[in-house]
Amino acid sequence: MNKLFIIFILTCTFASLTHACVFTNKWHIFVMSDMPDNDLIAHVKSGDDDLGIHTIAFKGTYHWSFCQRFDGRTLFYAYFWCGSKFRSLALFDKHIRKVCDRNKEGTQYCYWLVRPDGFFASKRPDGGWVQLAVWS
């Protein structure tokens, strides 16, 4: 009975570690559309994952999370379309991490606001926006 209990505890511990970020930060990325005339289309990828094509309505949001790589070289990028506009850009890399990093351990957040005049990032959802790109 004791062995069964220990196996159960170890199984639960390892299962929870698969969803935790060990030695790195967990990041949540939010892409918010402020494009009033058309839906925003985003195809989000990393070097390891293709998160697919997402349609984001006006005032809508697309969100994903990941564990930052231990070596700090995490990259997520996207191709954006809205009407006749197009842009490709990095949504998370070492430069954008500096914009969004709250200088703390644990869970971090990075918010993107896509508007007719460009792409803005912030560590908060309600302000502090930094314009990082314009539409091509």
N, C-alpha and C. Protein backbone atom coordinates (compact mmCIF):
# COMPACT_ATOMS: atom_id res chain seq x y z
N MET A 1 0.82 -1.20 0.00
CA MET A 1 0.00 0.00 0.00
C MET A 1 0.87 1.27 0.00
N ASN A 2 1.97 1.23 0.76
CA ASN A 2 2.89 2.36 0.81
C ASN A 2 3.50 2.65 -0.55
N LYS A 3 3.90 1.60 -1.27
CA LYS A 3 4.50 1.78 -2.60
C LYS A 3 3.50 2.38 -3.57
N LEU A 4 2.26 1.95 -3.49
CA LEU A 4 1.22 2.48 -4.36
C LEU A 4 1.01 3.97 -4.11
N PHE A 5 1.03 4.37 -2.85
CA PHE A 5 0.87 5.78 -2.50
C PHE A 5 2.04 6.60 -3.04
N ILE A 6 3.26 6.10 -2.89
CA ILE A 6 4.45 6.81 -3.39
C ILE A 6 4.40 6.94 -4.91
N ILE A 7 4.00 5.89 -5.60
CA ILE A 7 3.86 5.94 -7.06
C ILE A 7 2.82 6.98 -7.46
N PHE A 8 1.72 7.04 -6.73
CA PHE A 8 0.67 8.01 -7.00
C PHE A 8 1.20 9.44 -6.83
N ILE A 9 1.92 9.70 -5.75
CA ILE A 9 2.47 11.03 -5.49
C ILE A 9 3.48 11.42 -6.57
N LEU A 10 4.37 10.51 -6.93
CA LEU A 10 5.35 10.79 -7.98
C LEU A 10 4.69 11.06 -9.32
N THR A 11 3.66 10.30 -9.65
CA THR A 11 2.94 10.50 -10.90
C THR A 11 2.29 11.88 -10.94
N CYS A 12 1.66 12.28 -9.85
CA CYS A 12 1.04 13.60 -9.78
C CYS A 12 2.08 14.71 -9.88
N THR A 13 3.22 14.52 -9.23
CA THR A 13 4.29 15.52 -9.28
C THR A 13 4.82 15.69 -10.70
N PHE A 14 5.13 14.59 -11.37
CA PHE A 14 5.65 14.68 -12.73
C PHE A 14 4.60 15.22 -13.70
N ALA A 15 3.34 14.89 -13.49
CA ALA A 15 2.28 15.41 -14.35
C ALA A 15 2.17 16.92 -14.20
N SER A 16 2.31 17.43 -12.98
CA SER A 16 2.22 18.88 -12.79
C SER A 16 3.45 19.58 -13.35
N LEU A 17 4.62 18.94 -13.34
CA LEU A 17 5.82 19.55 -13.89
C LEU A 17 5.75 19.71 -15.40
N THR A 18 4.99 18.87 -16.07
CA THR A 18 4.89 19.00 -17.53
C THR A 18 4.16 20.28 -17.92
N HIS A 19 3.38 20.87 -17.00
CA HIS A 19 2.67 22.12 -17.27
C HIS A 19 3.33 23.32 -16.61
N ALA A 20 4.40 23.08 -15.86
CA ALA A 20 5.10 24.16 -15.18
C ALA A 20 6.38 24.49 -15.95
N CYS A 21 6.86 25.68 -15.74
CA CYS A 21 8.12 26.10 -16.34
C CYS A 21 9.19 26.00 -15.26
N VAL A 22 10.09 25.06 -15.43
CA VAL A 22 11.14 24.85 -14.45
C VAL A 22 12.36 25.67 -14.86
N PHE A 23 12.81 26.55 -14.00
CA PHE A 23 13.99 27.40 -14.19
C PHE A 23 13.79 28.51 -15.23
N THR A 24 12.63 28.65 -15.80
CA THR A 24 12.36 29.74 -16.75
C THR A 24 10.99 30.33 -16.45
N ASN A 25 10.70 31.46 -17.07
CA ASN A 25 9.40 32.11 -16.89
C ASN A 25 8.37 31.52 -17.83
N LYS A 26 7.13 31.50 -17.37
CA LYS A 26 6.01 31.20 -18.24
C LYS A 26 5.51 32.54 -18.78
N TRP A 27 5.29 32.59 -20.09
CA TRP A 27 4.81 33.80 -20.74
C TRP A 27 3.42 33.58 -21.30
N HIS A 28 2.58 34.60 -21.16
CA HIS A 28 1.26 34.65 -21.80
C HIS A 28 1.31 35.81 -22.79
N ILE A 29 0.99 35.52 -24.03
CA ILE A 29 0.98 36.53 -25.08
C ILE A 29 -0.47 36.76 -25.52
N PHE A 30 -0.86 38.02 -25.59
CA PHE A 30 -2.21 38.39 -26.01
C PHE A 30 -2.10 39.29 -27.23
N VAL A 31 -2.83 38.96 -28.29
CA VAL A 31 -2.91 39.80 -29.48
C VAL A 31 -4.34 40.32 -29.56
N MET A 32 -4.48 41.65 -29.47
CA MET A 32 -5.80 42.28 -29.44
C MET A 32 -5.99 43.10 -30.71
N SER A 33 -7.16 42.98 -31.30
CA SER A 33 -7.45 43.71 -32.53
C SER A 33 -8.20 45.00 -32.23
N ASP A 34 -7.66 46.09 -32.75
CA ASP A 34 -8.35 47.37 -32.74
C ASP A 34 -8.49 47.84 -34.19
N MET A 35 -8.84 46.85 -35.05
CA MET A 35 -9.03 47.09 -36.48
C MET A 35 -10.53 47.12 -36.76
N PRO A 36 -11.14 48.31 -36.84
CA PRO A 36 -12.59 48.40 -36.89
C PRO A 36 -13.24 47.96 -38.20
N ASP A 37 -12.50 47.99 -39.31
CA ASP A 37 -13.14 47.76 -40.61
C ASP A 37 -13.13 46.31 -41.08
N ASN A 38 -12.16 45.51 -40.63
CA ASN A 38 -12.04 44.12 -41.07
C ASN A 38 -11.53 43.26 -39.92
N ASP A 39 -11.80 41.96 -40.01
CA ASP A 39 -11.20 41.02 -39.07
C ASP A 39 -9.70 40.99 -39.29
N LEU A 40 -8.97 40.77 -38.22
CA LEU A 40 -7.53 40.61 -38.26
C LEU A 40 -7.23 39.11 -38.38
N ILE A 41 -6.42 38.74 -39.36
CA ILE A 41 -6.02 37.34 -39.54
C ILE A 41 -4.56 37.23 -39.10
N ALA A 42 -4.28 36.26 -38.22
CA ALA A 42 -2.91 36.07 -37.71
C ALA A 42 -2.52 34.61 -37.84
N HIS A 43 -1.37 34.37 -38.45
CA HIS A 43 -0.79 33.03 -38.51
C HIS A 43 0.44 33.05 -37.62
N VAL A 44 0.34 32.40 -36.46
CA VAL A 44 1.38 32.47 -35.42
C VAL A 44 2.21 31.19 -35.44
N LYS A 45 3.55 31.38 -35.38
CA LYS A 45 4.47 30.25 -35.41
C LYS A 45 5.65 30.49 -34.48
N SER A 46 6.34 29.41 -34.18
CA SER A 46 7.65 29.48 -33.54
C SER A 46 8.56 28.53 -34.30
N GLY A 47 9.78 28.39 -33.84
CA GLY A 47 10.67 27.44 -34.48
C GLY A 47 10.21 26.01 -34.30
N ASP A 48 9.43 25.76 -33.26
CA ASP A 48 8.98 24.41 -32.93
C ASP A 48 7.51 24.16 -33.22
N ASP A 49 6.70 25.20 -33.16
CA ASP A 49 5.25 25.02 -33.22
C ASP A 49 4.61 25.94 -34.25
N ASP A 50 3.57 25.43 -34.89
CA ASP A 50 2.70 26.24 -35.74
C ASP A 50 1.38 26.33 -34.99
N LEU A 51 1.06 27.50 -34.46
CA LEU A 51 -0.16 27.67 -33.68
C LEU A 51 -1.39 27.88 -34.55
N GLY A 52 -1.19 27.95 -35.86
CA GLY A 52 -2.32 28.01 -36.77
C GLY A 52 -2.70 29.43 -37.16
N ILE A 53 -3.75 29.47 -37.98
CA ILE A 53 -4.30 30.74 -38.47
C ILE A 53 -5.52 31.08 -37.62
N HIS A 54 -5.56 32.32 -37.15
CA HIS A 54 -6.63 32.75 -36.24
C HIS A 54 -7.27 34.03 -36.76
N THR A 55 -8.58 34.07 -36.70
CA THR A 55 -9.34 35.26 -37.06
C THR A 55 -9.71 35.98 -35.78
N ILE A 56 -9.28 37.24 -35.69
CA ILE A 56 -9.54 38.03 -34.49
C ILE A 56 -10.45 39.19 -34.88
N ALA A 57 -11.65 39.19 -34.35
CA ALA A 57 -12.63 40.23 -34.65
C ALA A 57 -12.24 41.54 -33.95
N PHE A 58 -12.85 42.64 -34.37
CA PHE A 58 -12.64 43.94 -33.74
C PHE A 58 -12.90 43.83 -32.25
N LYS A 59 -11.94 44.26 -31.43
CA LYS A 59 -11.96 44.18 -29.96
C LYS A 59 -11.81 42.76 -29.44
N GLY A 60 -11.49 41.81 -30.34
CA GLY A 60 -11.26 40.43 -29.93
C GLY A 60 -9.80 40.20 -29.55
N THR A 61 -9.53 39.02 -28.99
CA THR A 61 -8.19 38.68 -28.50
C THR A 61 -7.85 37.25 -28.84
N TYR A 62 -6.59 37.02 -29.20
CA TYR A 62 -6.05 35.67 -29.32
C TYR A 62 -4.92 35.56 -28.30
N HIS A 63 -4.86 34.43 -27.58
CA HIS A 63 -3.91 34.25 -26.48
C HIS A 63 -3.26 32.89 -26.54
N TRP A 64 -1.99 32.82 -26.20
CA TRP A 64 -1.32 31.54 -25.99
C TRP A 64 -0.26 31.73 -24.91
N SER A 65 0.25 30.62 -24.40
CA SER A 65 1.29 30.69 -23.38
C SER A 65 2.38 29.66 -23.69
N PHE A 66 3.55 29.87 -23.12
CA PHE A 66 4.68 28.98 -23.36
C PHE A 66 5.71 29.19 -22.25
N CYS A 67 6.61 28.25 -22.15
CA CYS A 67 7.76 28.37 -21.26
C CYS A 67 8.93 28.93 -22.06
N GLN A 68 9.53 29.97 -21.54
CA GLN A 68 10.69 30.56 -22.21
C GLN A 68 11.83 29.56 -22.23
N ARG A 69 12.56 29.52 -23.32
CA ARG A 69 13.72 28.63 -23.41
C ARG A 69 14.78 29.04 -22.40
N PHE A 70 15.47 28.05 -21.89
CA PHE A 70 16.50 28.29 -20.88
C PHE A 70 17.62 29.19 -21.43
N ASP A 71 17.91 29.06 -22.71
CA ASP A 71 18.99 29.86 -23.31
C ASP A 71 18.53 31.26 -23.73
N GLY A 72 17.25 31.58 -23.50
CA GLY A 72 16.74 32.92 -23.81
C GLY A 72 16.45 33.18 -25.27
N ARG A 73 16.50 32.15 -26.11
CA ARG A 73 16.32 32.35 -27.56
C ARG A 73 14.92 31.99 -28.04
N THR A 74 13.92 32.15 -27.22
CA THR A 74 12.55 31.86 -27.64
C THR A 74 12.12 32.86 -28.70
N LEU A 75 11.47 32.36 -29.75
CA LEU A 75 10.98 33.21 -30.83
C LEU A 75 9.58 32.76 -31.22
N PHE A 76 8.64 33.70 -31.20
CA PHE A 76 7.33 33.52 -31.80
C PHE A 76 7.14 34.67 -32.78
N TYR A 77 6.61 34.36 -33.94
CA TYR A 77 6.39 35.39 -34.95
C TYR A 77 5.04 35.13 -35.61
N ALA A 78 4.57 36.12 -36.36
CA ALA A 78 3.26 35.98 -37.00
C ALA A 78 3.23 36.73 -38.32
N TYR A 79 2.35 36.24 -39.18
CA TYR A 79 1.98 36.94 -40.41
C TYR A 79 0.59 37.49 -40.16
N PHE A 80 0.41 38.78 -40.42
CA PHE A 80 -0.88 39.44 -40.19
C PHE A 80 -1.45 39.95 -41.51
N TRP A 81 -2.76 39.78 -41.66
CA TRP A 81 -3.51 40.35 -42.78
C TRP A 81 -4.73 41.04 -42.21
N CYS A 82 -5.08 42.17 -42.81
CA CYS A 82 -6.32 42.85 -42.47
C CYS A 82 -6.73 43.65 -43.70
N GLY A 83 -7.78 43.18 -44.38
CA GLY A 83 -8.14 43.81 -45.64
C GLY A 83 -6.97 43.67 -46.61
N SER A 84 -6.49 44.80 -47.15
CA SER A 84 -5.36 44.77 -48.08
C SER A 84 -4.01 44.94 -47.37
N LYS A 85 -4.02 45.07 -46.07
CA LYS A 85 -2.78 45.28 -45.31
C LYS A 85 -2.12 43.95 -44.96
N PHE A 86 -0.77 43.97 -44.90
CA PHE A 86 -0.01 42.78 -44.52
C PHE A 86 1.20 43.19 -43.70
N ARG A 87 1.59 42.32 -42.77
CA ARG A 87 2.82 42.54 -42.01
C ARG A 87 3.27 41.22 -41.38
N SER A 88 4.56 40.97 -41.40
CA SER A 88 5.13 39.87 -40.62
C SER A 88 6.05 40.47 -39.57
N LEU A 89 6.01 39.93 -38.37
CA LEU A 89 6.89 40.44 -37.33
C LEU A 89 7.01 39.46 -36.18
N ALA A 90 8.06 39.64 -35.41
CA ALA A 90 8.26 38.83 -34.20
C ALA A 90 7.31 39.34 -33.12
N LEU A 91 6.63 38.41 -32.47
CA LEU A 91 5.76 38.76 -31.35
C LEU A 91 6.44 38.50 -30.01
N PHE A 92 7.47 37.66 -30.03
CA PHE A 92 8.26 37.44 -28.83
C PHE A 92 9.67 37.03 -29.23
N ASP A 93 10.64 37.79 -28.78
CA ASP A 93 12.06 37.46 -28.92
C ASP A 93 12.80 38.24 -27.83
N LYS A 94 14.13 38.23 -27.86
CA LYS A 94 14.87 38.88 -26.77
C LYS A 94 14.63 40.39 -26.73
N HIS A 95 14.35 41.02 -27.86
CA HIS A 95 14.09 42.46 -27.88
C HIS A 95 12.71 42.79 -27.32
N ILE A 96 11.72 42.02 -27.71
CA ILE A 96 10.35 42.26 -27.24
C ILE A 96 10.24 41.89 -25.76
N ARG A 97 11.00 40.90 -25.34
CA ARG A 97 10.99 40.52 -23.93
C ARG A 97 11.37 41.72 -23.07
N LYS A 98 12.29 42.56 -23.54
CA LYS A 98 12.69 43.75 -22.78
C LYS A 98 11.54 44.74 -22.64
N VAL A 99 10.68 44.82 -23.65
CA VAL A 99 9.52 45.72 -23.58
C VAL A 99 8.50 45.20 -22.57
N CYS A 100 8.31 43.89 -22.54
CA CYS A 100 7.24 43.30 -21.73
C CYS A 100 7.69 42.80 -20.36
N ASP A 101 8.97 42.60 -20.15
CA ASP A 101 9.48 42.00 -18.91
C ASP A 101 9.20 42.91 -17.71
N ARG A 102 8.63 42.31 -16.66
CA ARG A 102 8.35 43.06 -15.43
C ARG A 102 9.46 42.88 -14.39
N ASN A 103 10.59 42.33 -14.82
CA ASN A 103 11.74 42.11 -13.93
C ASN A 103 11.37 41.32 -12.68
N LYS A 104 10.67 40.24 -12.90
CA LYS A 104 10.30 39.36 -11.79
C LYS A 104 10.34 37.93 -12.28
N GLU A 105 10.39 37.03 -11.34
CA GLU A 105 10.35 35.61 -11.66
C GLU A 105 8.90 35.17 -11.78
N GLY A 106 8.69 34.08 -12.47
CA GLY A 106 7.34 33.52 -12.57
C GLY A 106 6.64 33.93 -13.85
N THR A 107 5.34 34.01 -13.77
CA THR A 107 4.51 34.27 -14.94
C THR A 107 4.66 35.71 -15.41
N GLN A 108 4.83 35.86 -16.72
CA GLN A 108 4.97 37.17 -17.36
C GLN A 108 3.89 37.30 -18.43
N TYR A 109 3.59 38.55 -18.80
CA TYR A 109 2.56 38.83 -19.78
C TYR A 109 3.09 39.83 -20.81
N CYS A 110 2.70 39.62 -22.06
CA CYS A 110 3.03 40.56 -23.12
C CYS A 110 1.76 40.78 -23.94
N TYR A 111 1.38 42.04 -24.10
CA TYR A 111 0.16 42.39 -24.81
C TYR A 111 0.51 43.10 -26.11
N TRP A 112 -0.16 42.70 -27.16
CA TRP A 112 -0.03 43.34 -28.46
C TRP A 112 -1.36 43.97 -28.84
N LEU A 113 -1.32 45.20 -29.31
CA LEU A 113 -2.50 45.88 -29.81
C LEU A 113 -2.25 46.20 -31.28
N VAL A 114 -3.11 45.68 -32.14
CA VAL A 114 -2.96 45.90 -33.59
C VAL A 114 -4.00 46.93 -34.00
N ARG A 115 -3.52 48.05 -34.53
CA ARG A 115 -4.38 49.16 -34.93
C ARG A 115 -4.11 49.52 -36.38
N PRO A 116 -4.94 50.36 -36.98
CA PRO A 116 -4.70 50.77 -38.37
C PRO A 116 -3.34 51.45 -38.57
N ASP A 117 -2.80 52.08 -37.52
CA ASP A 117 -1.51 52.77 -37.65
C ASP A 117 -0.32 51.93 -37.21
N GLY A 118 -0.54 50.65 -36.83
CA GLY A 118 0.60 49.81 -36.53
C GLY A 118 0.40 48.81 -35.41
N PHE A 119 1.54 48.32 -34.90
CA PHE A 119 1.59 47.24 -33.92
C PHE A 119 2.25 47.77 -32.65
N PHE A 120 1.58 47.61 -31.53
CA PHE A 120 2.02 48.18 -30.27
C PHE A 120 2.13 47.07 -29.22
N ALA A 121 3.16 47.12 -28.39
CA ALA A 121 3.36 46.12 -27.34
C ALA A 121 3.42 46.81 -25.98
N SER A 122 3.03 46.05 -24.95
CA SER A 122 3.06 46.58 -23.59
C SER A 122 3.11 45.44 -22.59
N LYS A 123 3.59 45.74 -21.40
CA LYS A 123 3.55 44.77 -20.31
C LYS A 123 2.21 44.81 -19.57
N ARG A 124 1.37 45.79 -19.92
CA ARG A 124 0.05 45.92 -19.29
C ARG A 124 -1.02 45.98 -20.39
N PRO A 125 -2.22 45.49 -20.11
CA PRO A 125 -3.27 45.51 -21.14
C PRO A 125 -3.94 46.87 -21.29
N ASP A 126 -3.65 47.81 -20.38
CA ASP A 126 -4.40 49.06 -20.36
C ASP A 126 -3.54 50.30 -20.62
N GLY A 127 -2.35 50.12 -21.17
CA GLY A 127 -1.55 51.30 -21.47
C GLY A 127 -0.07 51.00 -21.50
N GLY A 128 0.71 52.06 -21.64
CA GLY A 128 2.15 51.90 -21.73
C GLY A 128 2.59 51.33 -23.07
N TRP A 129 1.78 51.58 -24.11
CA TRP A 129 2.04 50.98 -25.42
C TRP A 129 3.27 51.57 -26.09
N VAL A 130 4.07 50.69 -26.70
CA VAL A 130 5.25 51.08 -27.47
C VAL A 130 5.03 50.60 -28.90
N GLN A 131 5.06 51.53 -29.86
CA GLN A 131 4.89 51.11 -31.25
C GLN A 131 6.17 50.45 -31.74
N LEU A 132 6.03 49.21 -32.22
CA LEU A 132 7.18 48.44 -32.68
C LEU A 132 7.17 48.17 -34.17
N ALA A 133 6.06 48.41 -34.84
CA ALA A 133 6.00 48.16 -36.29
C ALA A 133 4.81 48.90 -36.88
N VAL A 134 4.87 49.11 -38.20
CA VAL A 134 3.75 49.65 -38.97
C VAL A 134 3.38 48.61 -40.02
N TRP A 135 2.21 48.77 -40.61
CA TRP A 135 1.79 47.88 -41.69
C TRP A 135 2.70 48.08 -42.89
N SER A 136 2.97 47.02 -43.63
CA SER A 136 3.80 47.12 -44.84
C SER A 136 3.02 47.79 -45.95
